[in-house]
């Protein structure tokens, strides 16, 4: 996702940020693309996604890191690695 406005925590979408519905802001997550096993560490700084069946929205930089920019959506594994 790519927002021009501020995120729910008052910040901006960064290279490795994500939106999650319930996890606390500042939580660090490892997101792994199940199709190619590439992973990225992201920081939750927004709420969402608000589309049924989706569990996380990644910034464009994070999506690029795991090879899912072209497809736009991918099956991923999300693992919490740290929280503030």
Protein backbone atom coordinates (compact mmCIF):
# COMPACT_ATOMS: atom_id res chain seq x y z
CA UNK A 1 0.00 0.00 0.00
CA UNK A 2 1.11 3.58 -0.49
CA UNK A 3 -0.41 6.45 1.44
CA UNK A 4 0.29 10.10 0.78
CA UNK A 5 -1.35 11.06 4.08
CA UNK A 6 -0.20 10.16 7.58
CA UNK A 7 -0.68 6.65 8.92
CA UNK A 8 -2.87 5.79 11.91
CA UNK A 9 0.06 6.33 14.30
CA UNK A 10 0.81 9.76 12.82
CA UNK A 11 3.82 8.63 10.79
CA UNK A 12 4.35 7.96 7.12
CA UNK A 13 4.55 4.83 5.02
CA UNK A 14 8.22 3.89 4.95
CA UNK A 15 10.40 1.41 3.12
CA UNK A 16 9.64 -1.38 5.59
CA UNK A 17 6.31 -0.59 7.20
CA UNK A 18 3.01 -2.43 7.34
CA UNK A 19 -0.63 -2.09 8.31
CA UNK A 20 -2.22 -4.67 10.60
CA UNK A 21 -5.69 -4.60 12.15
CA UNK A 22 -4.83 -5.49 15.75
CA UNK A 23 -1.10 -5.70 16.53
CA UNK A 24 0.35 -2.77 18.49
CA UNK A 25 2.11 0.01 16.63
CA UNK A 26 5.85 -0.61 16.71
CA UNK A 27 5.51 -4.40 16.48
CA UNK A 28 8.21 -5.95 14.32
CA UNK A 29 7.06 -8.73 12.02
CA UNK A 30 8.83 -11.12 9.69
CA UNK A 31 6.69 -11.52 6.59
CA UNK A 32 7.61 -14.44 4.33
CA UNK A 33 6.27 -14.89 0.80
CA UNK A 34 5.31 -18.58 0.69
CA UNK A 35 5.83 -18.81 -3.08
CA UNK A 36 9.53 -17.88 -3.05
CA UNK A 37 10.48 -18.05 0.66
CA UNK A 38 11.80 -14.46 0.63
CA UNK A 39 11.19 -12.53 3.85
CA UNK A 40 11.36 -9.00 5.18
CA UNK A 41 11.14 -7.42 8.62
CA UNK A 42 8.49 -4.68 8.85
CA UNK A 43 7.23 -2.33 11.54
CA UNK A 44 3.48 -1.95 12.11
CA UNK A 45 2.57 1.75 11.90
CA UNK A 46 -0.93 1.70 10.42
CA UNK A 47 -4.29 -0.07 10.62
CA UNK A 48 -5.65 -2.28 7.88
CA UNK A 49 -6.13 -3.99 5.54
CA UNK A 50 -9.84 -3.50 5.23
CA UNK A 51 -10.40 -5.99 2.41
CA UNK A 52 -11.77 -9.39 3.39
CA UNK A 53 -9.33 -12.28 3.41
CA UNK A 54 -6.23 -10.10 3.74
CA UNK A 55 -4.17 -10.08 6.93
CA UNK A 56 -1.48 -7.45 6.30
CA UNK A 57 -0.70 -4.54 3.98
CA UNK A 58 2.96 -3.98 3.12
CA UNK A 59 4.64 -0.80 1.98
CA UNK A 60 5.90 -0.89 -1.60
CA UNK A 61 9.49 -1.31 -0.42
CA UNK A 62 8.60 -4.30 1.75
CA UNK A 63 6.49 -5.85 -1.01
CA UNK A 64 9.40 -5.42 -3.42
CA UNK A 65 11.78 -7.10 -0.97
CA UNK A 66 9.69 -10.28 -0.99
CA UNK A 67 8.89 -10.21 -4.71
CA UNK A 68 5.18 -9.45 -4.68
CA UNK A 69 4.90 -6.03 -6.34
CA UNK A 70 3.85 -7.48 -9.69
CA UNK A 71 1.12 -9.71 -8.26
CA UNK A 72 -0.06 -7.20 -5.66
CA UNK A 73 -1.16 -9.98 -3.33
CA UNK A 74 0.57 -13.12 -2.12
CA UNK A 75 0.14 -15.88 0.41
CA UNK A 76 2.43 -14.98 3.29
CA UNK A 77 3.43 -16.19 6.72
CA UNK A 78 3.53 -13.47 9.39
CA UNK A 79 5.65 -13.99 12.50
CA UNK A 80 5.93 -11.47 15.31
CA UNK A 81 9.60 -10.95 16.18
CA UNK A 82 9.40 -7.95 18.58
CA UNK A 83 7.07 -5.39 20.07
CA UNK A 84 7.51 -2.06 21.79
